[in-house]
């Protein structure tokens, strides 16, 4: 349990650095921000063009609270030819901390799976799956996770969605 608490405390510090810094710099040009963001969200082994597209899009939309997951995943698909669901959610969650992230730990904890590459309408199914994740964050189970976080970290000032993200991330299956 102590290891989980330490992991979450370190994660919160890193998350807060990102959320502060994103509004202080041009993220499309700031190598320090990009390196830190990539490390925190484990965005590795992508072609250079992906990072350019990603950070230019984040810079242009970092104040756009109307931005949607569908907007981002569609943009990245058009730019790269691949569906980047997890990275799209992380961009969205940076712009709007009230939106959840999609990663393998969230999917595992919720008993969900990413659409297979061969499935028809994969982009549409990806958007629908993200909506299922968002819907789960309104469930009684999510409320239990939020209460657990607040019990363990009573003085942390981040959104309720981020608190739930951290609990899901820390309680890997």
N, C-alpha and C. Protein backbone atom coordinates (compact mmCIF):
# COMPACT_ATOMS: atom_id res chain seq x y z
N UNK A 1 0.82 -1.20 0.00
CA UNK A 1 0.00 0.00 0.00
C UNK A 1 0.86 1.26 0.00
N UNK A 2 1.95 1.22 0.76
CA UNK A 2 2.83 2.40 0.84
C UNK A 2 3.42 2.72 -0.53
N UNK A 3 3.74 1.67 -1.31
CA UNK A 3 4.29 1.87 -2.64
C UNK A 3 3.26 2.55 -3.55
N UNK A 4 2.00 2.16 -3.41
CA UNK A 4 0.93 2.78 -4.20
C UNK A 4 0.81 4.25 -3.84
N UNK A 5 0.85 4.55 -2.54
CA UNK A 5 0.74 5.93 -2.09
C UNK A 5 1.89 6.77 -2.63
N UNK A 6 3.10 6.23 -2.57
CA UNK A 6 4.26 6.95 -3.10
C UNK A 6 4.12 7.18 -4.60
N UNK A 7 3.68 6.15 -5.32
CA UNK A 7 3.52 6.26 -6.76
C UNK A 7 2.51 7.36 -7.11
N UNK A 8 1.41 7.41 -6.38
CA UNK A 8 0.40 8.43 -6.64
C UNK A 8 0.93 9.82 -6.30
N UNK A 9 1.61 9.97 -5.17
CA UNK A 9 2.14 11.28 -4.78
C UNK A 9 3.12 11.81 -5.83
N UNK A 10 3.99 10.96 -6.31
CA UNK A 10 4.95 11.37 -7.36
C UNK A 10 4.19 11.70 -8.64
N UNK A 11 3.21 10.88 -8.98
CA UNK A 11 2.40 11.14 -10.18
C UNK A 11 1.68 12.47 -10.10
N UNK A 12 1.14 12.80 -8.94
CA UNK A 12 0.43 14.07 -8.77
C UNK A 12 1.38 15.25 -8.96
N UNK A 13 2.58 15.15 -8.41
CA UNK A 13 3.58 16.22 -8.59
C UNK A 13 3.88 16.43 -10.08
N UNK A 14 4.10 15.34 -10.79
CA UNK A 14 4.40 15.44 -12.22
C UNK A 14 3.21 15.99 -13.00
N UNK A 15 2.02 15.51 -12.67
CA UNK A 15 0.81 15.98 -13.33
C UNK A 15 0.63 17.49 -13.12
N UNK A 16 0.82 17.94 -11.90
CA UNK A 16 0.67 19.38 -11.61
C UNK A 16 1.70 20.21 -12.38
N UNK A 17 2.91 19.68 -12.55
CA UNK A 17 3.93 20.40 -13.33
C UNK A 17 3.44 20.56 -14.77
N UNK A 18 2.93 19.49 -15.34
CA UNK A 18 2.42 19.53 -16.72
C UNK A 18 1.29 20.55 -16.84
N UNK A 19 0.34 20.49 -15.92
CA UNK A 19 -0.84 21.35 -16.01
C UNK A 19 -0.50 22.83 -15.82
N UNK A 20 0.54 23.11 -15.08
CA UNK A 20 0.99 24.49 -14.93
C UNK A 20 1.78 24.93 -16.16
N UNK A 21 2.69 24.11 -16.55
CA UNK A 21 3.61 24.45 -17.64
C UNK A 21 2.92 24.59 -19.00
N UNK A 22 1.88 23.79 -19.23
CA UNK A 22 1.19 23.83 -20.52
C UNK A 22 0.70 25.24 -20.84
N UNK A 23 0.40 26.02 -19.82
CA UNK A 23 -0.11 27.38 -20.02
C UNK A 23 0.98 28.45 -19.97
N UNK A 24 2.21 28.02 -19.73
CA UNK A 24 3.32 28.97 -19.62
C UNK A 24 4.21 29.01 -20.86
N UNK A 25 4.15 27.98 -21.67
CA UNK A 25 5.07 27.86 -22.80
C UNK A 25 4.31 27.52 -24.08
N UNK A 26 5.00 27.65 -25.18
CA UNK A 26 4.50 27.15 -26.46
C UNK A 26 4.90 25.68 -26.51
N UNK A 27 3.93 24.79 -26.24
CA UNK A 27 4.25 23.37 -26.11
C UNK A 27 4.72 22.76 -27.43
N UNK A 28 4.42 23.41 -28.55
CA UNK A 28 4.87 22.89 -29.85
C UNK A 28 6.36 23.12 -30.05
N UNK A 29 6.96 23.99 -29.24
CA UNK A 29 8.37 24.31 -29.39
C UNK A 29 9.20 24.02 -28.13
N UNK A 30 8.56 23.71 -27.04
CA UNK A 30 9.27 23.53 -25.76
C UNK A 30 9.67 22.06 -25.57
N UNK A 31 10.94 21.78 -25.81
CA UNK A 31 11.43 20.40 -25.74
C UNK A 31 11.34 19.84 -24.32
N UNK A 32 11.54 20.68 -23.31
CA UNK A 32 11.46 20.22 -21.93
C UNK A 32 10.03 19.74 -21.61
N UNK A 33 9.04 20.53 -22.01
CA UNK A 33 7.66 20.13 -21.78
C UNK A 33 7.37 18.81 -22.50
N UNK A 34 7.75 18.73 -23.76
CA UNK A 34 7.47 17.53 -24.54
C UNK A 34 8.12 16.29 -23.94
N UNK A 35 9.36 16.42 -23.52
CA UNK A 35 10.07 15.28 -22.92
C UNK A 35 9.38 14.84 -21.63
N UNK A 36 8.99 15.79 -20.81
CA UNK A 36 8.34 15.48 -19.54
C UNK A 36 6.96 14.85 -19.78
N UNK A 37 6.19 15.45 -20.68
CA UNK A 37 4.86 14.94 -21.03
C UNK A 37 4.98 13.53 -21.59
N UNK A 38 5.91 13.33 -22.53
CA UNK A 38 6.11 12.00 -23.12
C UNK A 38 6.46 10.97 -22.07
N UNK A 39 7.30 11.36 -21.11
CA UNK A 39 7.68 10.44 -20.05
C UNK A 39 6.53 10.12 -19.12
N UNK A 40 5.81 11.14 -18.72
CA UNK A 40 4.69 10.96 -17.79
C UNK A 40 3.62 10.06 -18.40
N UNK A 41 3.29 10.32 -19.66
CA UNK A 41 2.23 9.55 -20.33
C UNK A 41 2.76 8.38 -21.15
N UNK A 42 4.05 8.11 -21.04
CA UNK A 42 4.67 6.97 -21.72
C UNK A 42 4.42 6.98 -23.23
N UNK A 43 4.64 8.14 -23.80
CA UNK A 43 4.47 8.31 -25.26
C UNK A 43 5.83 8.08 -25.91
N UNK A 44 6.12 6.84 -26.19
CA UNK A 44 7.42 6.48 -26.75
C UNK A 44 7.24 5.82 -28.10
N UNK A 45 8.35 5.81 -28.82
CA UNK A 45 8.46 5.09 -30.09
C UNK A 45 7.39 5.49 -31.10
N UNK A 46 7.30 6.76 -31.33
CA UNK A 46 6.42 7.30 -32.36
C UNK A 46 7.28 8.02 -33.38
N UNK A 47 6.87 8.02 -34.64
CA UNK A 47 7.62 8.77 -35.65
C UNK A 47 7.65 10.27 -35.29
N UNK A 48 8.71 10.94 -35.67
CA UNK A 48 8.87 12.37 -35.34
C UNK A 48 7.67 13.18 -35.81
N UNK A 49 7.12 12.88 -36.96
CA UNK A 49 5.98 13.61 -37.48
C UNK A 49 4.76 13.53 -36.56
N UNK A 50 4.63 12.43 -35.85
CA UNK A 50 3.53 12.30 -34.89
C UNK A 50 3.65 13.36 -33.81
N UNK A 51 4.83 13.48 -33.23
CA UNK A 51 5.03 14.44 -32.14
C UNK A 51 4.81 15.87 -32.62
N UNK A 52 5.29 16.19 -33.82
CA UNK A 52 5.06 17.54 -34.37
C UNK A 52 3.57 17.82 -34.47
N UNK A 53 2.83 16.92 -35.07
CA UNK A 53 1.37 17.10 -35.22
C UNK A 53 0.69 17.20 -33.86
N UNK A 54 1.08 16.35 -32.95
CA UNK A 54 0.46 16.28 -31.63
C UNK A 54 0.64 17.59 -30.87
N UNK A 55 1.87 18.06 -30.79
CA UNK A 55 2.14 19.24 -29.97
C UNK A 55 1.68 20.54 -30.64
N UNK A 56 1.67 20.58 -31.93
CA UNK A 56 1.10 21.76 -32.62
C UNK A 56 -0.41 21.81 -32.33
N UNK A 57 -1.06 20.67 -32.39
CA UNK A 57 -2.50 20.60 -32.12
C UNK A 57 -2.79 20.98 -30.67
N UNK A 58 -1.99 20.46 -29.75
CA UNK A 58 -2.18 20.80 -28.34
C UNK A 58 -1.98 22.30 -28.13
N UNK A 59 -0.95 22.86 -28.72
CA UNK A 59 -0.70 24.30 -28.56
C UNK A 59 -1.87 25.12 -29.09
N UNK A 60 -2.38 24.78 -30.24
CA UNK A 60 -3.48 25.54 -30.84
C UNK A 60 -4.80 25.36 -30.10
N UNK A 61 -4.93 24.30 -29.33
CA UNK A 61 -6.21 23.99 -28.68
C UNK A 61 -6.15 23.98 -27.15
N UNK A 62 -5.05 24.39 -26.56
CA UNK A 62 -4.90 24.25 -25.12
C UNK A 62 -5.88 25.08 -24.30
N UNK A 63 -6.55 26.03 -24.90
CA UNK A 63 -7.55 26.83 -24.19
C UNK A 63 -8.97 26.52 -24.69
N UNK A 64 -9.10 25.50 -25.52
CA UNK A 64 -10.38 25.16 -26.15
C UNK A 64 -11.13 24.12 -25.32
N UNK A 65 -11.94 24.56 -24.38
CA UNK A 65 -12.68 23.64 -23.52
C UNK A 65 -13.81 22.92 -24.26
N UNK A 66 -14.07 23.32 -25.50
CA UNK A 66 -15.10 22.65 -26.31
C UNK A 66 -14.52 21.48 -27.11
N UNK A 67 -13.22 21.32 -27.07
CA UNK A 67 -12.54 20.25 -27.79
C UNK A 67 -13.08 18.90 -27.33
N UNK A 68 -13.25 17.97 -28.28
CA UNK A 68 -13.76 16.64 -27.93
C UNK A 68 -12.73 15.57 -28.27
N UNK A 69 -12.94 14.42 -27.67
CA UNK A 69 -12.12 13.26 -27.99
C UNK A 69 -12.21 12.94 -29.48
N UNK A 70 -13.43 13.00 -30.01
CA UNK A 70 -13.62 12.70 -31.43
C UNK A 70 -12.83 13.67 -32.31
N UNK A 71 -12.80 14.95 -31.95
CA UNK A 71 -12.02 15.94 -32.70
C UNK A 71 -10.55 15.52 -32.77
N UNK A 72 -10.01 15.15 -31.61
CA UNK A 72 -8.59 14.86 -31.51
C UNK A 72 -8.23 13.55 -32.21
N UNK A 73 -8.97 12.49 -31.91
CA UNK A 73 -8.65 11.18 -32.49
C UNK A 73 -8.81 11.23 -34.01
N UNK A 74 -9.78 11.99 -34.50
CA UNK A 74 -9.98 12.13 -35.95
C UNK A 74 -8.83 12.93 -36.56
N UNK A 75 -8.43 14.01 -35.93
CA UNK A 75 -7.30 14.81 -36.41
C UNK A 75 -6.03 13.95 -36.50
N UNK A 76 -5.73 13.23 -35.42
CA UNK A 76 -4.51 12.41 -35.42
C UNK A 76 -4.60 11.28 -36.45
N UNK A 77 -5.78 10.75 -36.66
CA UNK A 77 -5.96 9.71 -37.68
C UNK A 77 -5.69 10.29 -39.07
N UNK A 78 -6.20 11.49 -39.31
CA UNK A 78 -5.98 12.14 -40.62
C UNK A 78 -4.51 12.49 -40.82
N UNK A 79 -3.83 12.86 -39.75
CA UNK A 79 -2.42 13.25 -39.84
C UNK A 79 -1.48 12.06 -39.95
N UNK A 80 -1.82 10.95 -39.27
CA UNK A 80 -0.87 9.85 -39.15
C UNK A 80 -1.33 8.55 -39.80
N UNK A 81 -2.63 8.44 -40.08
CA UNK A 81 -3.17 7.19 -40.62
C UNK A 81 -3.39 6.13 -39.57
N UNK A 82 -3.21 6.47 -38.29
CA UNK A 82 -3.42 5.53 -37.19
C UNK A 82 -4.37 6.13 -36.17
N UNK A 83 -5.04 5.25 -35.45
CA UNK A 83 -5.92 5.69 -34.37
C UNK A 83 -5.12 5.69 -33.08
N UNK A 84 -4.99 6.87 -32.50
CA UNK A 84 -4.22 7.05 -31.26
C UNK A 84 -5.19 7.41 -30.14
N UNK A 85 -5.95 6.41 -29.68
CA UNK A 85 -6.99 6.66 -28.68
C UNK A 85 -6.39 7.13 -27.36
N UNK A 86 -5.41 6.44 -26.87
CA UNK A 86 -4.82 6.78 -25.58
C UNK A 86 -4.21 8.18 -25.60
N UNK A 87 -3.42 8.46 -26.63
CA UNK A 87 -2.76 9.76 -26.71
C UNK A 87 -3.77 10.88 -26.96
N UNK A 88 -4.84 10.57 -27.66
CA UNK A 88 -5.90 11.57 -27.86
C UNK A 88 -6.54 11.92 -26.53
N UNK A 89 -6.80 10.92 -25.71
CA UNK A 89 -7.43 11.18 -24.41
C UNK A 89 -6.50 11.98 -23.50
N UNK A 90 -5.23 11.76 -23.61
CA UNK A 90 -4.27 12.49 -22.76
C UNK A 90 -4.16 13.95 -23.18
N UNK A 91 -4.24 14.19 -24.46
CA UNK A 91 -4.29 15.58 -24.94
C UNK A 91 -5.56 16.24 -24.43
N UNK A 92 -6.69 15.56 -24.58
CA UNK A 92 -7.97 16.11 -24.13
C UNK A 92 -7.95 16.37 -22.62
N UNK A 93 -7.43 15.44 -21.85
CA UNK A 93 -7.39 15.60 -20.40
C UNK A 93 -6.46 16.73 -19.97
N UNK A 94 -5.50 17.06 -20.81
CA UNK A 94 -4.63 18.20 -20.52
C UNK A 94 -5.38 19.51 -20.77
N UNK A 95 -6.16 19.54 -21.82
CA UNK A 95 -6.97 20.72 -22.13
C UNK A 95 -8.14 20.84 -21.14
N UNK A 96 -8.73 19.71 -20.80
CA UNK A 96 -9.91 19.71 -19.92
C UNK A 96 -9.74 18.62 -18.86
N UNK A 97 -9.28 19.00 -17.66
CA UNK A 97 -9.02 18.03 -16.60
C UNK A 97 -10.26 17.28 -16.11
N UNK A 98 -11.43 17.64 -16.60
CA UNK A 98 -12.65 16.92 -16.24
C UNK A 98 -12.94 15.77 -17.19
N UNK A 99 -11.99 15.48 -18.08
CA UNK A 99 -12.14 14.36 -19.01
C UNK A 99 -11.14 13.26 -18.63
N UNK A 100 -11.57 12.01 -18.69
CA UNK A 100 -10.69 10.91 -18.27
C UNK A 100 -9.66 10.54 -19.33
N UNK A 101 -8.62 9.89 -18.86
CA UNK A 101 -7.64 9.34 -19.78
C UNK A 101 -8.04 7.91 -20.14
N UNK A 102 -7.53 7.47 -21.26
CA UNK A 102 -7.71 6.10 -21.75
C UNK A 102 -6.31 5.51 -21.77
N UNK A 103 -6.09 4.50 -20.99
CA UNK A 103 -4.83 3.76 -21.08
C UNK A 103 -5.12 2.30 -20.73
N UNK A 104 -4.10 1.49 -20.81
CA UNK A 104 -4.33 0.05 -20.61
C UNK A 104 -4.80 -0.25 -19.19
N UNK A 105 -4.39 0.57 -18.21
CA UNK A 105 -4.82 0.32 -16.84
C UNK A 105 -6.29 0.67 -16.64
N UNK A 106 -6.73 1.74 -17.26
CA UNK A 106 -8.14 2.11 -17.20
C UNK A 106 -8.97 1.01 -17.86
N UNK A 107 -8.57 0.59 -19.06
CA UNK A 107 -9.31 -0.46 -19.76
C UNK A 107 -9.35 -1.75 -18.94
N UNK A 108 -8.22 -2.13 -18.35
CA UNK A 108 -8.18 -3.34 -17.53
C UNK A 108 -9.12 -3.23 -16.35
N UNK A 109 -9.06 -2.11 -15.64
CA UNK A 109 -9.90 -1.92 -14.47
C UNK A 109 -11.39 -1.90 -14.81
N UNK A 110 -11.73 -1.44 -15.99
CA UNK A 110 -13.13 -1.35 -16.39
C UNK A 110 -13.59 -2.57 -17.19
N UNK A 111 -12.68 -3.48 -17.48
CA UNK A 111 -13.04 -4.69 -18.23
C UNK A 111 -13.37 -4.40 -19.68
N UNK A 112 -12.68 -3.43 -20.27
CA UNK A 112 -12.91 -3.04 -21.66
C UNK A 112 -11.71 -3.40 -22.52
N UNK A 113 -11.91 -3.40 -23.83
CA UNK A 113 -10.80 -3.65 -24.76
C UNK A 113 -10.89 -2.68 -25.94
N UNK A 114 -9.75 -2.36 -26.48
CA UNK A 114 -9.66 -1.51 -27.66
C UNK A 114 -10.19 -2.28 -28.87
N UNK A 115 -10.91 -1.61 -29.77
CA UNK A 115 -11.35 -2.29 -31.00
C UNK A 115 -10.16 -2.85 -31.78
N UNK A 116 -10.34 -4.03 -32.32
CA UNK A 116 -9.28 -4.66 -33.10
C UNK A 116 -9.05 -3.89 -34.41
N UNK A 117 -7.83 -4.00 -34.94
CA UNK A 117 -7.46 -3.29 -36.17
C UNK A 117 -8.33 -3.68 -37.36
N UNK A 118 -8.80 -4.89 -37.39
CA UNK A 118 -9.56 -5.37 -38.54
C UNK A 118 -11.07 -5.05 -38.45
N UNK A 119 -11.51 -4.52 -37.32
CA UNK A 119 -12.94 -4.25 -37.16
C UNK A 119 -13.40 -3.11 -38.07
N UNK A 120 -14.59 -3.28 -38.63
CA UNK A 120 -15.19 -2.21 -39.43
C UNK A 120 -15.54 -1.05 -38.51
N UNK A 121 -15.52 0.15 -39.06
CA UNK A 121 -15.88 1.36 -38.32
C UNK A 121 -15.06 1.51 -37.03
N UNK A 122 -13.78 1.20 -37.12
CA UNK A 122 -12.93 1.21 -35.93
C UNK A 122 -12.85 2.59 -35.29
N UNK A 123 -12.76 3.64 -36.09
CA UNK A 123 -12.69 4.99 -35.54
C UNK A 123 -13.96 5.30 -34.76
N UNK A 124 -15.10 4.99 -35.34
CA UNK A 124 -16.38 5.21 -34.67
C UNK A 124 -16.49 4.39 -33.38
N UNK A 125 -16.05 3.13 -33.43
CA UNK A 125 -16.08 2.27 -32.24
C UNK A 125 -15.15 2.80 -31.15
N UNK A 126 -14.04 3.39 -31.57
CA UNK A 126 -13.10 3.98 -30.61
C UNK A 126 -13.75 5.16 -29.89
N UNK A 127 -14.42 6.01 -30.64
CA UNK A 127 -15.13 7.15 -30.04
C UNK A 127 -16.22 6.66 -29.10
N UNK A 128 -16.94 5.63 -29.49
CA UNK A 128 -18.00 5.07 -28.64
C UNK A 128 -17.42 4.46 -27.36
N UNK A 129 -16.27 3.82 -27.48
CA UNK A 129 -15.63 3.23 -26.30
C UNK A 129 -15.19 4.33 -25.33
N UNK A 130 -14.66 5.42 -25.86
CA UNK A 130 -14.29 6.53 -24.98
C UNK A 130 -15.52 7.06 -24.25
N UNK A 131 -16.63 7.11 -24.91
CA UNK A 131 -17.87 7.55 -24.25
C UNK A 131 -18.26 6.58 -23.13
N UNK A 132 -18.03 5.30 -23.34
CA UNK A 132 -18.30 4.32 -22.27
C UNK A 132 -17.41 4.57 -21.07
N UNK A 133 -16.15 4.92 -21.34
CA UNK A 133 -15.24 5.26 -20.24
C UNK A 133 -15.78 6.48 -19.49
N UNK A 134 -16.16 7.51 -20.24
CA UNK A 134 -16.71 8.72 -19.62
C UNK A 134 -17.95 8.40 -18.79
N UNK A 135 -18.80 7.56 -19.31
CA UNK A 135 -20.02 7.18 -18.59
C UNK A 135 -19.69 6.45 -17.29
N UNK A 136 -18.68 5.59 -17.33
CA UNK A 136 -18.29 4.86 -16.12
C UNK A 136 -17.88 5.83 -15.01
N UNK A 137 -17.26 6.94 -15.37
CA UNK A 137 -16.80 7.92 -14.38
C UNK A 137 -17.95 8.55 -13.61
N UNK A 138 -19.18 8.31 -14.05
CA UNK A 138 -20.37 8.82 -13.36
C UNK A 138 -21.02 7.72 -12.52
N UNK A 139 -20.41 6.55 -12.46
CA UNK A 139 -21.00 5.40 -11.78
C UNK A 139 -20.72 5.40 -10.28
N UNK A 140 -21.43 4.56 -9.57
CA UNK A 140 -21.19 4.42 -8.12
C UNK A 140 -19.80 3.84 -7.85
N UNK A 141 -19.33 2.98 -8.73
CA UNK A 141 -17.98 2.43 -8.57
C UNK A 141 -16.93 3.54 -8.68
N UNK A 142 -17.12 4.46 -9.61
CA UNK A 142 -16.20 5.59 -9.75
C UNK A 142 -16.26 6.47 -8.50
N UNK A 143 -17.45 6.66 -7.95
CA UNK A 143 -17.60 7.45 -6.73
C UNK A 143 -16.83 6.79 -5.58
N UNK A 144 -16.85 5.47 -5.53
CA UNK A 144 -16.08 4.76 -4.51
C UNK A 144 -14.59 5.03 -4.67
N UNK A 145 -14.11 5.02 -5.92
CA UNK A 145 -12.70 5.31 -6.18
C UNK A 145 -12.36 6.74 -5.76
N UNK A 146 -13.26 7.68 -6.05
CA UNK A 146 -13.05 9.07 -5.65
C UNK A 146 -12.99 9.18 -4.13
N UNK A 147 -13.89 8.52 -3.44
CA UNK A 147 -13.88 8.55 -1.97
C UNK A 147 -12.60 7.95 -1.41
N UNK A 148 -12.12 6.89 -2.06
CA UNK A 148 -10.86 6.27 -1.64
C UNK A 148 -9.71 7.26 -1.79
N UNK A 149 -9.66 7.94 -2.93
CA UNK A 149 -8.61 8.92 -3.16
C UNK A 149 -8.68 10.02 -2.09
N UNK A 150 -9.87 10.55 -1.86
CA UNK A 150 -10.03 11.65 -0.90
C UNK A 150 -9.67 11.22 0.52
N UNK A 151 -9.88 9.97 0.83
CA UNK A 151 -9.49 9.45 2.15
C UNK A 151 -7.97 9.37 2.25
N UNK A 152 -7.32 8.91 1.19
CA UNK A 152 -5.87 8.75 1.20
C UNK A 152 -5.11 10.07 1.01
N UNK A 153 -5.72 10.98 0.23
CA UNK A 153 -5.07 12.26 -0.11
C UNK A 153 -6.06 13.40 0.10
N UNK A 154 -6.34 13.74 1.35
CA UNK A 154 -7.41 14.70 1.63
C UNK A 154 -7.16 16.13 1.16
N UNK A 155 -5.93 16.52 0.92
CA UNK A 155 -5.63 17.91 0.60
C UNK A 155 -5.11 18.13 -0.82
N UNK A 156 -5.43 17.23 -1.72
CA UNK A 156 -4.95 17.35 -3.10
C UNK A 156 -5.99 18.10 -3.93
N UNK A 157 -5.52 19.15 -4.61
CA UNK A 157 -6.42 20.00 -5.38
C UNK A 157 -6.29 19.71 -6.88
N UNK A 158 -6.95 18.63 -7.31
CA UNK A 158 -7.06 18.29 -8.73
C UNK A 158 -8.52 17.89 -8.97
N UNK A 159 -8.91 17.79 -10.23
CA UNK A 159 -10.31 17.47 -10.53
C UNK A 159 -10.66 16.07 -10.02
N UNK A 160 -11.95 15.86 -9.78
CA UNK A 160 -12.41 14.55 -9.34
C UNK A 160 -12.07 13.47 -10.36
N UNK A 161 -12.16 13.80 -11.64
CA UNK A 161 -11.82 12.83 -12.68
C UNK A 161 -10.35 12.44 -12.59
N UNK A 162 -9.48 13.40 -12.35
CA UNK A 162 -8.05 13.08 -12.23
C UNK A 162 -7.80 12.22 -10.99
N UNK A 163 -8.53 12.47 -9.92
CA UNK A 163 -8.38 11.64 -8.72
C UNK A 163 -8.73 10.19 -9.04
N UNK A 164 -9.80 9.99 -9.76
CA UNK A 164 -10.20 8.64 -10.15
C UNK A 164 -9.16 8.04 -11.10
N UNK A 165 -8.66 8.84 -12.06
CA UNK A 165 -7.59 8.38 -12.95
C UNK A 165 -6.41 7.85 -12.14
N UNK A 166 -6.00 8.59 -11.13
CA UNK A 166 -4.84 8.18 -10.33
C UNK A 166 -5.10 6.89 -9.58
N UNK A 167 -6.29 6.70 -9.06
CA UNK A 167 -6.60 5.45 -8.36
C UNK A 167 -6.58 4.29 -9.34
N UNK A 168 -7.17 4.47 -10.51
CA UNK A 168 -7.16 3.40 -11.53
C UNK A 168 -5.73 3.09 -11.96
N UNK A 169 -4.95 4.13 -12.15
CA UNK A 169 -3.56 3.95 -12.57
C UNK A 169 -2.75 3.21 -11.50
N UNK A 170 -3.00 3.56 -10.24
CA UNK A 170 -2.23 2.98 -9.15
C UNK A 170 -2.65 1.55 -8.82
N UNK A 171 -3.90 1.22 -9.09
CA UNK A 171 -4.41 -0.13 -8.75
C UNK A 171 -4.45 -0.98 -10.01
N UNK A 172 -3.30 -1.21 -10.55
CA UNK A 172 -3.18 -1.99 -11.79
C UNK A 172 -3.51 -3.44 -11.50
N UNK A 173 -4.18 -4.05 -12.46
CA UNK A 173 -4.53 -5.48 -12.32
C UNK A 173 -3.45 -6.33 -12.95
